[in-house]
Amino acid sequence: MKKIIGVISIVFLFLSCTSDFKDINTDKSGITDKDLQADYNEHGIRLGVIQQGIYFNYDYGKGKNWPFQLTQNLNADMFSGYMHDAKPLNGGSHNSDYNLQDGWNSAMWGHTYEYIFPQIYQSENATRSRMPAFFGITKILKVEVMHRVTDYYGPIVYSHFADPEGKYTPDAQKEVYEAFFCELDTATAVLSDYISQHEDASEFARFDILMDGKYTSWMKFANSLRMRLAMRMAVVSPEKAKAEFMKALSNEYGVLREADELVAVSTGSGYTNPLGEINLVWNEAYMSAPMESILNGYEDPRREIYFSTCQSGDYKGEYRGIRQGTCFAHNYYNTLSKLKVTQQTDAVLMTAAEVWFLRAEAALRGWTGESAKTCYEQGVIASFRQYGILQPESYLDSDLLPADFVDTYDAENDIKARCRVSPRWIETADRDTKLEKIITQKWIAMFPEGCEAWAEQRRTGYPRLFPVRFNHSKDRCIDTETMIRRLNFPGGLKTENADQYAALVEALGGQDNAGVRLWWDTGNNW
């Protein structure tokens, strides 16, 4: 990892500040009063910071790219089964084998509360009565930002953020999700009213780096996001989940549907994709073993879109990956398949394909009258067309299965394929098989967005990932087959704010370790 010692020390420095929420209103973003005085800048610049803070690459004065590596790439991107570093970080033992690194895993909490949530809070207050459309967009972004945080840790400080009278009391995850739906209710109501009164308005367009500048597109995003969050609680709160899903599906503005309808952080206006830097410059993002097994077994045409072939050695021209949790202490994997993500690749947060797979699962659960098969196949087609692949028919008829994983260096890491389904939909299959097909294809389609992929893998158990070979979790708190379920709360909270740490653990309802399931993670699918 590039300058990892210095990076971790910086993380600890700001965590010691963010652990005390009495200082949370201090604006650390570097935005000046002069910046805010130009037309709409008072609102738009803050929203720009928030948008850059989702797939984190906002430069607050200490450089770019490394914050993303800590907030996402060294945890969710790996735990989701998407990618792995080819370097033997920390001597080969770290997050990969569940020797969890607090300096890495605290970063999502620290960066969000230090730099992004204060901008959300200030934007809400500044736009609530003066700029309703910007207020609605702030609410949508708030949910997009913070659902990633709660899906890492569980309980978070949400409703009492910047609330000294409320003692910055944490919310349990159930309460956070309930608040998310209320936020989306507010956002869609405000935006709908504004659109009806100002049909051609486009004040936000020059600040929009996620969508096309149209308020109607943000309505589609809000509805699609509601679907995602509703499905997350399909088992733990099925009636509420169905009601929220149907509210999104029936909204007059619709959801993401066409292959070119994406929510992505655009690199067209100065933002650069941090994963591209980690991949091409730092050489620290490679194909994972599950990706190799599934994409090679399926002969999936997206394989060449996502990854490069090995560039030298015995495996030149092949797609080969790295298994998690092998504790390798060498550099022999650095000739394997790197990602094709560059600094100029838009950072995709949500796609029409994901929404089609959500609709397929909703149909499978009996929530809608849609055909699960049709929605599933539309999801595959949308994913293919997103990348200019126009002929998925043969793929949808394929009975190919994932391949066994054969390590390129150490045969002790070899393992039989775990995923048991092919791309072809089988109407007579049982509902577990159908769900596995839906989620496996959704997992492929969402690449490389590891936050959502890891959340859905924990929720459903699909795709079936390879277990770590070596499990070095503290007190064996993580079961090797069940795998990691969450990230610990930042270690600095224990010493800097013991009362708040105790409140977070109480809201979690279990010990603060990475083997504890989150509220929506029931261990069942029905």
Protein backbone atom coordinates (compact mmCIF):
# COMPACT_ATOMS: atom_id res chain seq x y z
CA MET A 1 0.00 0.00 0.00
CA LYS A 2 1.28 3.44 -0.91
CA LYS A 3 2.65 5.19 2.19
CA ILE A 4 0.38 3.12 4.39
CA ILE A 5 2.05 4.05 7.67
CA GLY A 6 1.59 7.75 7.05
CA VAL A 7 -1.96 7.19 5.87
CA ILE A 8 -2.98 5.29 8.97
CA SER A 9 -1.48 7.94 11.25
CA ILE A 10 -3.57 10.60 9.50
CA VAL A 11 -6.68 8.48 9.99
CA PHE A 12 -6.03 8.19 13.71
CA LEU A 13 -5.52 11.94 13.96
CA PHE A 14 -8.90 12.84 12.58
CA LEU A 15 -10.69 9.97 14.31
CA SER A 16 -9.61 11.42 17.63
CA CYS A 17 -11.56 14.52 16.61
CA THR A 18 -14.62 12.94 15.08
CA SER A 19 -15.13 10.65 18.04
CA ASP A 20 -16.31 13.75 19.93
CA PHE A 21 -19.48 14.94 18.24
CA LYS A 22 -19.44 18.21 20.18
CA ASP A 23 -17.02 19.43 17.51
CA ILE A 24 -18.95 18.08 14.56
CA ASN A 25 -20.21 21.45 13.33
CA THR A 26 -16.67 22.58 12.55
CA ASP A 27 -16.45 22.86 8.78
CA LYS A 28 -13.24 21.12 7.65
CA SER A 29 -14.07 21.12 3.94
CA GLY A 30 -12.02 24.18 2.99
CA ILE A 31 -15.00 25.98 1.43
CA THR A 32 -14.72 29.76 1.87
CA ASP A 33 -17.45 32.36 2.27
CA LYS A 34 -16.32 33.90 -1.04
CA ASP A 35 -16.87 30.56 -2.78
CA LEU A 36 -20.43 30.50 -1.55
CA GLN A 37 -21.46 33.99 -2.65
CA ALA A 38 -21.79 33.43 -6.42
CA ASP A 39 -25.08 32.40 -8.05
CA TYR A 40 -26.46 29.32 -6.31
CA ASN A 41 -22.95 28.45 -5.12
CA GLU A 42 -24.11 28.62 -1.54
CA HIS A 43 -26.10 25.47 -2.24
CA GLY A 44 -24.37 23.88 -5.20
CA ILE A 45 -20.81 23.76 -3.89
CA ARG A 46 -21.83 21.93 -0.75
CA LEU A 47 -23.80 19.44 -2.81
CA GLY A 48 -20.72 18.97 -4.97
CA VAL A 49 -18.68 17.99 -1.91
CA ILE A 50 -21.37 15.54 -0.87
CA GLN A 51 -21.48 13.92 -4.30
CA GLN A 52 -17.69 13.49 -4.30
CA GLY A 53 -17.91 12.04 -0.80
CA ILE A 54 -20.02 9.02 -1.75
CA TYR A 55 -17.35 7.16 -3.73
CA PHE A 56 -14.93 9.14 -1.63
CA ASN A 57 -12.46 11.27 -3.54
CA TYR A 58 -13.00 14.74 -2.17
CA ASP A 59 -9.70 16.53 -1.55
CA TYR A 60 -9.98 18.28 1.81
CA GLY A 61 -6.30 19.23 1.82
CA LYS A 62 -4.55 15.93 2.48
CA GLY A 63 -4.65 14.44 -0.99
CA LYS A 64 -6.90 12.11 -2.93
CA ASN A 65 -7.29 8.39 -3.53
CA TRP A 66 -5.89 7.05 -0.23
CA PRO A 67 -9.10 7.89 1.67
CA PHE A 68 -11.07 5.72 -0.76
CA GLN A 69 -8.62 2.87 -0.36
CA LEU A 70 -9.34 2.89 3.38
CA THR A 71 -13.06 3.65 3.27
CA GLN A 72 -13.93 1.01 0.69
CA ASN A 73 -11.23 -0.76 -1.29
CA LEU A 74 -9.50 -2.61 1.55
CA ASN A 75 -12.78 -3.82 3.05
CA ALA A 76 -16.05 -3.81 1.07
CA ASP A 77 -14.41 -4.22 -2.35
CA MET A 78 -12.59 -7.28 -1.04
CA PHE A 79 -15.26 -8.74 1.27
CA SER A 80 -17.77 -8.54 -1.61
CA GLY A 81 -15.61 -10.98 -3.59
CA TYR A 82 -14.72 -8.44 -6.27
CA MET A 83 -11.01 -7.75 -5.94
CA HIS A 84 -7.83 -8.23 -3.93
CA ASP A 85 -4.45 -6.53 -3.57
CA ALA A 86 -1.46 -8.39 -5.03
CA LYS A 87 0.92 -6.93 -2.46
CA PRO A 88 1.58 -8.62 0.92
CA LEU A 89 0.32 -5.73 3.03
CA ASN A 90 1.17 -5.85 6.73
CA GLY A 91 3.36 -8.88 6.12
CA GLY A 92 0.49 -10.75 4.48
CA SER A 93 -1.94 -10.67 7.42
CA HIS A 94 -4.60 -7.97 7.50
CA ASN A 95 -8.28 -7.58 6.59
CA SER A 96 -7.94 -10.37 4.05
CA ASP A 97 -7.55 -13.06 6.74
CA TYR A 98 -9.74 -11.18 9.24
CA ASN A 99 -6.80 -9.69 11.13
CA LEU A 100 -8.86 -6.53 11.01
CA GLN A 101 -7.03 -3.21 10.82
CA ASP A 102 -8.80 -0.51 12.81
CA GLY A 103 -6.94 2.25 10.99
CA TRP A 104 -8.44 1.05 7.72
CA ASN A 105 -11.90 0.08 8.89
CA SER A 106 -12.51 3.27 10.87
CA ALA A 107 -12.07 5.42 7.78
CA MET A 108 -15.64 5.22 6.48
CA TRP A 109 -16.89 6.47 9.84
CA GLY A 110 -14.22 9.14 10.23
CA HIS A 111 -14.30 10.60 6.73
CA THR A 112 -18.10 10.68 6.56
CA TYR A 113 -18.61 12.37 9.92
CA GLU A 114 -15.68 14.74 9.55
CA TYR A 115 -16.25 15.97 6.01
CA ILE A 116 -19.49 14.82 4.40
CA PHE A 117 -22.27 14.72 6.99
CA PRO A 118 -21.51 18.31 8.13
CA GLN A 119 -22.07 19.43 4.54
CA ILE A 120 -25.34 17.51 4.41
CA TYR A 121 -26.47 19.08 7.68
CA GLN A 122 -25.59 22.60 6.50
CA SER A 123 -27.17 22.04 3.10
CA GLU A 124 -30.43 20.90 4.71
CA ASN A 125 -30.55 24.01 6.86
CA ALA A 126 -29.62 26.36 4.02
CA THR A 127 -32.08 25.02 1.45
CA ARG A 128 -35.09 23.90 3.51
CA SER A 129 -37.10 27.10 3.05
CA ARG A 130 -35.16 28.91 0.33
CA MET A 131 -34.41 26.32 -2.35
CA PRO A 132 -36.82 23.37 -2.26
CA ALA A 133 -35.33 21.47 -5.23
CA PHE A 134 -31.84 21.60 -3.72
CA PHE A 135 -33.35 20.53 -0.40
CA GLY A 136 -34.93 17.48 -2.03
CA ILE A 137 -31.64 16.52 -3.67
CA THR A 138 -29.85 16.95 -0.35
CA LYS A 139 -32.25 14.46 1.24
CA ILE A 140 -31.63 11.89 -1.50
CA LEU A 141 -27.86 12.30 -1.17
CA LYS A 142 -28.15 12.02 2.60
CA VAL A 143 -29.73 8.59 2.27
CA GLU A 144 -27.24 7.48 -0.39
CA VAL A 145 -24.28 8.52 1.77
CA MET A 146 -25.48 7.25 5.10
CA HIS A 147 -26.95 3.90 4.08
CA ARG A 148 -23.41 2.92 3.13
CA VAL A 149 -22.25 3.82 6.64
CA THR A 150 -24.97 1.96 8.53
CA ASP A 151 -24.52 -1.06 6.26
CA TYR A 152 -20.88 -1.18 7.39
CA TYR A 153 -21.33 -0.72 11.13
CA GLY A 154 -25.01 -1.04 12.11
CA PRO A 155 -26.08 1.69 14.55
CA ILE A 156 -24.90 5.19 13.64
CA VAL A 157 -25.36 8.76 14.83
CA TYR A 158 -28.12 10.00 12.54
CA SER A 159 -31.22 11.68 13.97
CA HIS A 160 -29.18 13.33 16.74
CA PHE A 161 -26.28 14.43 14.58
CA ALA A 162 -25.22 17.97 15.61
CA ASP A 163 -27.72 17.74 18.47
CA PRO A 164 -26.04 18.47 21.80
CA GLU A 165 -29.36 18.38 23.66
CA GLY A 166 -29.89 14.88 22.31
CA LYS A 167 -26.34 14.02 23.42
CA TYR A 168 -25.55 12.79 19.90
CA THR A 169 -27.42 9.61 20.76
CA PRO A 170 -26.97 6.80 18.20
CA ASP A 171 -29.88 5.23 16.36
CA ALA A 172 -30.30 1.48 16.00
CA GLN A 173 -30.20 0.35 12.38
CA LYS A 174 -33.94 -0.30 12.29
CA GLU A 175 -34.53 3.32 13.30
CA VAL A 176 -32.04 4.54 10.71
CA TYR A 177 -33.82 2.67 7.92
CA GLU A 178 -37.18 4.04 9.04
CA ALA A 179 -35.66 7.52 8.90
CA PHE A 180 -34.31 6.84 5.41
CA PHE A 181 -37.81 6.19 4.08
CA CYS A 182 -39.06 9.39 5.71
CA GLU A 183 -36.19 11.32 4.10
CA LEU A 184 -37.12 9.88 0.70
CA ASP A 185 -40.79 10.74 1.31
CA THR A 186 -39.77 14.34 1.91
CA ALA A 187 -37.44 14.41 -1.08
CA THR A 188 -39.97 13.05 -3.57
CA ALA A 189 -42.79 15.26 -2.27
CA VAL A 190 -40.67 18.41 -2.47
CA LEU A 191 -39.22 17.60 -5.89
CA SER A 192 -42.58 16.55 -7.32
CA ASP A 193 -44.15 19.83 -6.24
CA TYR A 194 -41.24 21.83 -7.61
CA ILE A 195 -41.32 20.03 -10.96
CA SER A 196 -45.04 20.65 -11.34
CA GLN A 197 -44.55 24.37 -10.73
CA HIS A 198 -41.25 24.81 -12.61
CA GLU A 199 -41.34 22.30 -15.43
CA ASP A 200 -38.20 23.47 -17.22
CA ALA A 201 -36.14 24.47 -14.17
CA SER A 202 -32.50 23.37 -14.21
CA GLU A 203 -30.72 25.38 -11.51
CA PHE A 204 -28.91 22.31 -10.20
CA ALA A 205 -27.66 21.09 -13.59
CA ARG A 206 -24.23 22.75 -13.39
CA PHE A 207 -23.60 21.19 -9.98
CA ASP A 208 -24.92 17.73 -10.87
CA ILE A 209 -22.16 15.13 -11.23
CA LEU A 210 -24.34 12.05 -10.63
CA MET A 211 -27.23 12.44 -13.07
CA ASP A 212 -28.12 14.50 -16.14
CA GLY A 213 -29.17 17.66 -14.30
CA LYS A 214 -32.89 16.95 -14.60
CA TYR A 215 -35.03 16.87 -11.48
CA THR A 216 -37.11 14.08 -13.00
CA SER A 217 -33.97 11.93 -13.11
CA TRP A 218 -33.40 12.54 -9.41
CA MET A 219 -36.94 11.35 -8.81
CA LYS A 220 -36.04 8.09 -10.58
CA PHE A 221 -32.94 7.81 -8.41
CA ALA A 222 -34.97 8.37 -5.24
CA ASN A 223 -37.50 5.71 -6.25
CA SER A 224 -34.78 3.22 -7.20
CA LEU A 225 -32.93 3.87 -3.95
CA ARG A 226 -36.16 3.23 -2.04
CA MET A 227 -36.44 -0.13 -3.83
CA ARG A 228 -32.87 -1.05 -2.83
CA LEU A 229 -33.43 -0.25 0.83
CA ALA A 230 -36.83 -1.91 0.88
CA MET A 231 -35.38 -5.16 -0.42
CA ARG A 232 -32.65 -5.04 2.22
CA MET A 233 -35.29 -5.59 4.90
CA ALA A 234 -37.37 -8.10 2.95
CA VAL A 235 -37.00 -10.77 5.64
CA VAL A 236 -36.67 -8.78 8.84
CA SER A 237 -39.68 -6.53 8.07
CA PRO A 238 -41.53 -8.00 5.07
CA GLU A 239 -44.73 -5.95 5.23
CA LYS A 240 -42.91 -2.63 5.50
CA ALA A 241 -40.46 -3.76 2.80
CA LYS A 242 -43.23 -4.61 0.37
CA ALA A 243 -45.09 -1.36 1.05
CA GLU A 244 -41.99 0.74 0.41
CA PHE A 245 -41.09 -1.23 -2.70
CA MET A 246 -44.56 -0.79 -4.16
CA LYS A 247 -44.52 2.92 -3.33
CA ALA A 248 -41.40 3.25 -5.48
CA LEU A 249 -42.68 1.07 -8.30
CA SER A 250 -45.97 2.98 -8.56
CA ASN A 251 -44.51 6.48 -8.42
CA GLU A 252 -45.39 8.43 -11.56
CA TYR A 253 -41.77 9.37 -12.25
CA GLY A 254 -40.67 5.76 -12.43
CA VAL A 255 -37.35 4.07 -11.67
CA LEU A 256 -34.10 3.43 -13.54
CA ARG A 257 -35.11 1.27 -16.47
CA GLU A 258 -33.05 1.80 -19.63
CA ALA A 259 -29.45 0.57 -19.90
CA ASP A 260 -28.09 4.11 -20.18
CA GLU A 261 -29.86 5.29 -17.02
CA LEU A 262 -27.07 5.29 -14.45
CA VAL A 263 -26.26 6.98 -11.18
CA ALA A 264 -22.52 7.55 -11.42
CA VAL A 265 -19.99 10.09 -10.16
CA SER A 266 -18.88 11.72 -13.42
CA THR A 267 -15.21 12.34 -14.12
CA GLY A 268 -16.13 15.04 -16.62
CA SER A 269 -15.83 17.95 -14.20
CA GLY A 270 -12.64 17.39 -12.23
CA TYR A 271 -13.55 14.34 -10.15
CA THR A 272 -11.19 11.42 -10.73
CA ASN A 273 -12.00 7.79 -9.96
CA PRO A 274 -9.86 6.76 -6.97
CA LEU A 275 -10.12 3.07 -7.85
CA GLY A 276 -8.45 3.87 -11.17
CA GLU A 277 -5.48 5.42 -9.36
CA ILE A 278 -5.21 2.46 -6.98
CA ASN A 279 -5.44 0.11 -9.94
CA LEU A 280 -3.15 1.70 -12.55
CA VAL A 281 -0.67 3.73 -10.52
CA TRP A 282 -0.42 1.89 -7.21
CA ASN A 283 -0.97 -1.55 -8.81
CA GLU A 284 -3.14 -2.66 -5.90
CA ALA A 285 -6.45 -3.85 -7.42
CA TYR A 286 -6.66 -7.31 -8.99
CA MET A 287 -9.33 -9.83 -9.91
CA SER A 288 -10.60 -11.94 -7.03
CA ALA A 289 -10.88 -15.71 -7.01
CA PRO A 290 -14.73 -15.64 -7.01
CA MET A 291 -14.70 -13.33 -10.03
CA GLU A 292 -12.33 -15.69 -11.81
CA SER A 293 -14.46 -18.71 -10.96
CA ILE A 294 -17.78 -17.22 -12.05
CA LEU A 295 -16.78 -15.14 -15.06
CA ASN A 296 -14.49 -17.80 -16.50
CA GLY A 297 -16.98 -20.57 -15.88
CA TYR A 298 -19.77 -18.61 -17.54
CA GLU A 299 -17.47 -17.42 -20.34
CA ASP A 300 -19.06 -14.10 -19.48
CA PRO A 301 -18.42 -11.37 -22.10
CA ARG A 302 -18.26 -8.74 -19.35
CA ARG A 303 -15.01 -10.35 -18.21
CA GLU A 304 -13.01 -8.46 -20.84
CA ILE A 305 -14.81 -5.23 -19.90
CA TYR A 306 -13.94 -5.55 -16.21
CA PHE A 307 -10.45 -7.08 -16.26
CA SER A 308 -7.24 -7.34 -18.24
CA THR A 309 -5.63 -10.68 -18.97
CA CYS A 310 -2.38 -11.71 -17.33
CA GLN A 311 0.40 -9.83 -19.09
CA SER A 312 3.32 -12.24 -18.69
CA GLY A 313 4.41 -15.62 -17.45
CA ASP A 314 2.76 -19.03 -17.79
CA TYR A 315 -0.74 -17.52 -17.59
CA LYS A 316 -0.31 -14.77 -20.18
CA GLY A 317 -3.60 -14.09 -21.95
CA GLU A 318 -5.72 -15.74 -19.23
CA TYR A 319 -8.00 -14.21 -16.61
CA ARG A 320 -6.66 -15.19 -13.18
CA GLY A 321 -7.41 -13.92 -9.70
CA ILE A 322 -6.37 -13.98 -6.05
CA ARG A 323 -8.08 -15.85 -3.23
CA GLN A 324 -8.83 -13.97 -0.02
CA GLY A 325 -7.31 -15.05 3.27
CA THR A 326 -4.21 -16.95 2.10
CA CYS A 327 -1.68 -14.77 3.98
CA PHE A 328 0.73 -14.71 1.05
CA ALA A 329 4.02 -12.90 1.72
CA HIS A 330 5.33 -12.59 -1.86
CA ASN A 331 4.76 -10.57 -5.02
CA TYR A 332 4.13 -13.42 -7.45
CA TYR A 333 0.51 -12.40 -8.03
CA ASN A 334 1.40 -9.01 -9.51
CA THR A 335 1.22 -10.36 -13.08
CA LEU A 336 -2.39 -11.54 -12.70
CA SER A 337 -5.55 -9.81 -13.96
CA LYS A 338 -5.83 -6.15 -13.04
CA LEU A 339 -9.01 -4.14 -13.29
CA LYS A 340 -9.69 -2.01 -16.36
CA VAL A 341 -10.98 0.89 -14.24
CA THR A 342 -9.05 4.10 -14.93
CA GLN A 343 -8.96 7.50 -13.27
CA GLN A 344 -11.42 8.68 -15.96
CA THR A 345 -13.95 5.87 -15.50
CA ASP A 346 -17.19 7.20 -14.01
CA ALA A 347 -17.77 5.72 -10.55
CA VAL A 348 -21.09 3.88 -10.93
CA LEU A 349 -23.33 3.84 -7.86
CA MET A 350 -26.55 2.39 -9.28
CA THR A 351 -27.69 0.97 -12.60
CA ALA A 352 -30.88 0.02 -14.38
CA ALA A 353 -29.66 -3.59 -14.26
CA GLU A 354 -29.67 -3.53 -10.45
CA VAL A 355 -33.23 -2.21 -10.44
CA TRP A 356 -34.39 -4.96 -12.82
CA PHE A 357 -32.88 -7.57 -10.48
CA LEU A 358 -34.64 -5.93 -7.54
CA ARG A 359 -37.88 -6.23 -9.49
CA ALA A 360 -37.10 -9.88 -10.25
CA GLU A 361 -36.67 -10.61 -6.55
CA ALA A 362 -39.85 -8.70 -5.70
CA ALA A 363 -41.75 -10.82 -8.23
CA LEU A 364 -40.19 -13.98 -6.78
CA ARG A 365 -41.42 -12.93 -3.33
CA GLY A 366 -44.93 -12.39 -4.65
CA TRP A 367 -44.90 -8.66 -4.04
CA THR A 368 -45.78 -7.75 -7.63
CA GLY A 369 -47.56 -9.29 -10.60
CA GLU A 370 -44.44 -9.03 -12.74
CA SER A 371 -42.65 -12.07 -14.13
CA ALA A 372 -39.47 -12.91 -12.21
CA LYS A 373 -38.04 -14.49 -15.38
CA THR A 374 -38.72 -11.42 -17.51
CA CYS A 375 -37.25 -9.02 -14.94
CA TYR A 376 -34.21 -11.26 -14.47
CA GLU A 377 -33.53 -11.41 -18.19
CA GLN A 378 -34.10 -7.67 -18.54
CA GLY A 379 -31.47 -7.19 -15.83
CA VAL A 380 -28.93 -9.24 -17.76
CA ILE A 381 -29.78 -7.45 -21.01
CA ALA A 382 -29.48 -4.02 -19.36
CA SER A 383 -26.08 -4.94 -17.93
CA PHE A 384 -24.83 -6.16 -21.30
CA ARG A 385 -26.12 -3.08 -23.12
CA GLN A 386 -24.56 -0.79 -20.51
CA TYR A 387 -21.22 -2.00 -21.88
CA GLY A 388 -22.23 -2.16 -25.54
CA ILE A 389 -22.78 -5.93 -25.61
CA LEU A 390 -25.89 -6.36 -27.74
CA GLN A 391 -26.41 -10.11 -28.09
CA PRO A 392 -27.08 -11.75 -24.70
CA GLU A 393 -29.49 -14.41 -26.01
CA SER A 394 -26.93 -17.24 -26.08
CA TYR A 395 -25.80 -16.25 -22.60
CA LEU A 396 -29.35 -16.43 -21.27
CA ASP A 397 -29.62 -19.95 -22.70
CA SER A 398 -26.33 -21.05 -21.15
CA ASP A 399 -26.04 -23.93 -18.68
CA LEU A 400 -22.35 -23.25 -18.01
CA LEU A 401 -21.34 -23.33 -14.34
CA PRO A 402 -18.59 -21.55 -12.41
CA ALA A 403 -15.12 -23.08 -12.62
CA ASP A 404 -13.01 -24.47 -9.80
CA PHE A 405 -10.34 -22.08 -8.59
CA VAL A 406 -6.76 -23.16 -9.26
CA ASP A 407 -4.17 -20.89 -7.65
CA THR A 408 -1.35 -19.76 -9.93
CA TYR A 409 1.32 -20.16 -7.25
CA ASP A 410 0.21 -22.31 -4.29
CA ALA A 411 -1.91 -25.44 -4.83
CA GLU A 412 -2.94 -25.31 -1.15
CA ASN A 413 -5.16 -22.38 -2.11
CA ASP A 414 -7.09 -24.37 -4.74
CA ILE A 415 -10.80 -24.79 -4.03
CA LYS A 416 -13.86 -26.24 -5.75
CA ALA A 417 -16.41 -23.80 -7.17
CA ARG A 418 -19.00 -22.76 -4.59
CA CYS A 419 -21.52 -21.03 -6.86
CA ARG A 420 -24.04 -23.63 -8.13
CA VAL A 421 -26.14 -21.86 -10.73
CA SER A 422 -25.92 -21.14 -14.46
CA PRO A 423 -27.17 -18.03 -16.29
CA ARG A 424 -30.24 -19.76 -17.77
CA TRP A 425 -33.50 -19.15 -15.91
CA ILE A 426 -35.27 -22.38 -14.96
CA GLU A 427 -38.95 -21.82 -14.30
CA THR A 428 -39.34 -25.16 -12.51
CA ALA A 429 -36.41 -24.54 -10.15
CA ASP A 430 -37.07 -23.96 -6.44
CA ARG A 431 -37.17 -20.42 -5.13
CA ASP A 432 -33.71 -20.67 -3.52
CA THR A 433 -32.15 -21.53 -6.88
CA LYS A 434 -34.02 -18.70 -8.56
CA LEU A 435 -32.89 -16.24 -5.89
CA GLU A 436 -29.31 -17.43 -6.26
CA LYS A 437 -29.48 -16.80 -10.01
CA ILE A 438 -30.91 -13.30 -9.47
CA ILE A 439 -28.34 -12.23 -6.89
CA THR A 440 -25.39 -13.80 -8.69
CA GLN A 441 -26.24 -11.87 -11.85
CA LYS A 442 -26.85 -8.71 -9.84
CA TRP A 443 -23.43 -9.14 -8.24
CA ILE A 444 -21.80 -9.38 -11.67
CA ALA A 445 -23.75 -6.37 -12.95
CA MET A 446 -22.91 -4.09 -10.01
CA PHE A 447 -19.14 -4.49 -10.35
CA PRO A 448 -17.02 -2.74 -9.13
CA GLU A 449 -19.32 -1.12 -6.54
CA GLY A 450 -18.27 -3.17 -3.53
CA CYS A 451 -20.38 -1.46 -0.85
CA GLU A 452 -23.69 -2.59 -2.31
CA ALA A 453 -22.32 -5.95 -3.44
CA TRP A 454 -21.04 -6.77 0.05
CA ALA A 455 -24.34 -5.73 1.66
CA GLU A 456 -26.37 -7.93 -0.68
CA GLN A 457 -23.99 -10.87 -0.30
CA ARG A 458 -24.42 -10.69 3.48
CA ARG A 459 -28.18 -10.36 3.17
CA THR A 460 -28.66 -13.34 0.87
CA GLY A 461 -25.50 -15.44 1.03
CA TYR A 462 -25.16 -15.07 -2.76
CA PRO A 463 -23.08 -15.42 -4.70
CA ARG A 464 -21.45 -18.24 -2.76
CA LEU A 465 -17.96 -16.89 -2.10
CA PHE A 466 -14.82 -18.81 -1.19
CA PRO A 467 -14.05 -18.84 2.54
CA VAL A 468 -10.70 -17.54 3.77
CA ARG A 469 -8.03 -20.20 4.04
CA PHE A 470 -6.65 -18.69 7.26
CA ASN A 471 -8.93 -17.04 9.80
CA HIS A 472 -7.05 -14.74 12.17
CA SER A 473 -10.05 -12.89 13.59
CA LYS A 474 -9.71 -11.85 17.21
CA ASP A 475 -11.00 -14.61 19.52
CA ARG A 476 -12.27 -16.32 16.35
CA CYS A 477 -15.26 -13.97 16.42
CA ILE A 478 -15.79 -14.43 12.67
CA ASP A 479 -16.96 -17.84 11.52
CA THR A 480 -14.95 -18.98 8.49
CA GLU A 481 -17.97 -20.21 6.55
CA THR A 482 -20.39 -17.49 7.67
CA MET A 483 -17.71 -14.88 6.87
CA ILE A 484 -17.40 -11.30 8.06
CA ARG A 485 -20.74 -9.59 8.83
CA ARG A 486 -19.81 -5.99 9.65
CA LEU A 487 -16.98 -3.65 10.62
CA ASN A 488 -16.18 -2.78 14.22
CA PHE A 489 -16.89 0.72 15.48
CA PRO A 490 -13.76 2.91 15.37
CA GLY A 491 -11.36 1.98 18.15
CA GLY A 492 -10.82 5.63 19.03
CA LEU A 493 -14.39 5.89 20.30
CA LYS A 494 -13.61 3.62 23.23
CA THR A 495 -11.14 6.12 24.70
CA GLU A 496 -12.34 9.44 23.30
CA ASN A 497 -16.05 9.02 23.95
CA ALA A 498 -16.71 5.95 26.06
CA ASP A 499 -20.37 6.85 26.70
CA GLN A 500 -21.16 7.11 23.02
CA TYR A 501 -19.28 3.91 22.28
CA ALA A 502 -21.33 2.12 24.95
CA ALA A 503 -24.53 3.52 23.44
CA LEU A 504 -23.54 2.28 19.98
CA VAL A 505 -22.80 -1.20 21.29
CA GLU A 506 -26.10 -1.26 23.16
CA ALA A 507 -27.94 -0.25 19.98
CA LEU A 508 -26.11 -3.01 18.11
CA GLY A 509 -27.56 -5.57 20.50
CA GLY A 510 -24.41 -7.66 20.60
CA GLN A 511 -20.68 -7.45 21.05
CA ASP A 512 -18.74 -5.02 18.92
CA ASN A 513 -17.08 -7.55 16.67
CA ALA A 514 -17.16 -8.37 12.98
CA GLY A 515 -19.05 -11.62 13.46
CA VAL A 516 -22.23 -9.93 14.71
CA ARG A 517 -25.06 -9.72 12.18
CA LEU A 518 -26.72 -6.41 11.38
CA TRP A 519 -30.46 -5.87 11.86
CA TRP A 520 -31.37 -6.79 8.27
CA ASP A 521 -28.90 -9.70 8.16
CA THR A 522 -31.13 -12.48 9.50
CA GLY A 523 -29.30 -15.50 8.11
CA ASN A 524 -32.47 -16.50 6.23
CA ASN A 525 -33.91 -15.55 2.86
CA TRP A 526 -37.63 -16.16 3.47
